Amino acid sequence: MTYIHLSGRDLAEKLNRGMQQIHSRRIDMLTRAGHPGGVNGQ
């Protein structure tokens, strides 16, 4: 196992990118669910 030091700023940026990605996916899923042919073809 290799130890990699990240600063608080690096960790915050990494967390923020991950949260933005999750948010984008959720918005996409919700948007498709509201339209015909959206999630699960409904």
C-alpha atoms as a PDB file:
ATOM      1  CA  MET A   1       0.000   0.000   0.000  1.00  0.00           C
ATOM      2  CA  THR A   2       1.377   3.412  -0.987  1.00  0.00           C
ATOM      3  CA  TYR A   3       0.763   6.514   1.083  1.00  0.00           C
ATOM      4  CA  ILE A   4      -0.180   9.548  -0.980  1.00  0.00           C
ATOM      5  CA  HIS A   5      -0.398  12.881   0.817  1.00  0.00           C
ATOM      6  CA  LEU A   6      -3.079  15.268  -0.386  1.00  0.00           C
ATOM      7  CA  SER A   7      -3.536  18.764   0.970  1.00  0.00           C
ATOM      8  CA  GLY A   8      -6.890  19.926   2.284  1.00  0.00           C
ATOM      9  CA  ARG A   9      -7.349  21.913  -0.909  1.00  0.00           C
ATOM     10  CA  ASP A  10      -6.644  18.848  -3.071  1.00  0.00           C
ATOM     11  CA  LEU A  11      -9.103  16.761  -1.064  1.00  0.00           C
ATOM     12  CA  ALA A  12     -11.761  19.483  -1.279  1.00  0.00           C
ATOM     13  CA  GLU A  13     -11.355  19.726  -5.065  1.00  0.00           C
ATOM     14  CA  LYS A  14     -11.575  15.963  -5.443  1.00  0.00           C
ATOM     15  CA  LEU A  15     -14.704  15.807  -3.276  1.00  0.00           C
ATOM     16  CA  ASN A  16     -16.294  18.715  -5.140  1.00  0.00           C
ATOM     17  CA  ARG A  17     -15.684  17.064  -8.539  1.00  0.00           C
ATOM     18  CA  GLY A  18     -17.224  13.826  -7.281  1.00  0.00           C
ATOM     19  CA  MET A  19     -20.278  15.609  -5.891  1.00  0.00           C
ATOM     20  CA  GLN A  20     -20.756  17.536  -9.144  1.00  0.00           C
ATOM     21  CA  GLN A  21     -20.604  14.298 -11.108  1.00  0.00           C
ATOM     22  CA  ILE A  22     -23.168  12.632  -8.838  1.00  0.00           C
ATOM     23  CA  HIS A  23     -25.444  15.679  -9.067  1.00  0.00           C
ATOM     24  CA  SER A  24     -25.195  15.721 -12.876  1.00  0.00           C
ATOM     25  CA  ARG A  25     -26.101  12.039 -13.091  1.00  0.00           C
ATOM     26  CA  ARG A  26     -29.081  12.484 -10.763  1.00  0.00           C
ATOM     27  CA  ILE A  27     -30.367  15.474 -12.750  1.00  0.00           C
ATOM     28  CA  ASP A  28     -29.976  13.488 -15.979  1.00  0.00           C
ATOM     29  CA  MET A  29     -31.877  10.523 -14.526  1.00  0.00           C
ATOM     30  CA  LEU A  30     -34.674  12.734 -13.176  1.00  0.00           C
ATOM     31  CA  THR A  31     -34.955  14.600 -16.472  1.00  0.00           C
ATOM     32  CA  ARG A  32     -35.180  11.393 -18.492  1.00  0.00           C
ATOM     33  CA  ALA A  33     -37.693   9.908 -16.040  1.00  0.00           C
ATOM     34  CA  GLY A  34     -40.060  12.810 -16.749  1.00  0.00           C
ATOM     35  CA  HIS A  35     -40.106  12.259 -20.521  1.00  0.00           C
ATOM     36  CA  PRO A  36     -41.543   9.441 -22.653  1.00  0.00           C
ATOM     37  CA  GLY A  37     -38.863   6.916 -23.456  1.00  0.00           C
ATOM     38  CA  GLY A  38     -36.924   7.959 -20.351  1.00  0.00           C
ATOM     39  CA  VAL A  39     -35.605   5.616 -17.678  1.00  0.00           C
ATOM     40  CA  ASN A  40     -36.661   1.991 -18.270  1.00  0.00           C
ATOM     41  CA  GLY A  41     -38.340   3.001 -21.549  1.00  0.00           C
ATOM     42  CA  GLN A  42     -41.409   4.303 -19.746  1.00  0.00           C
END
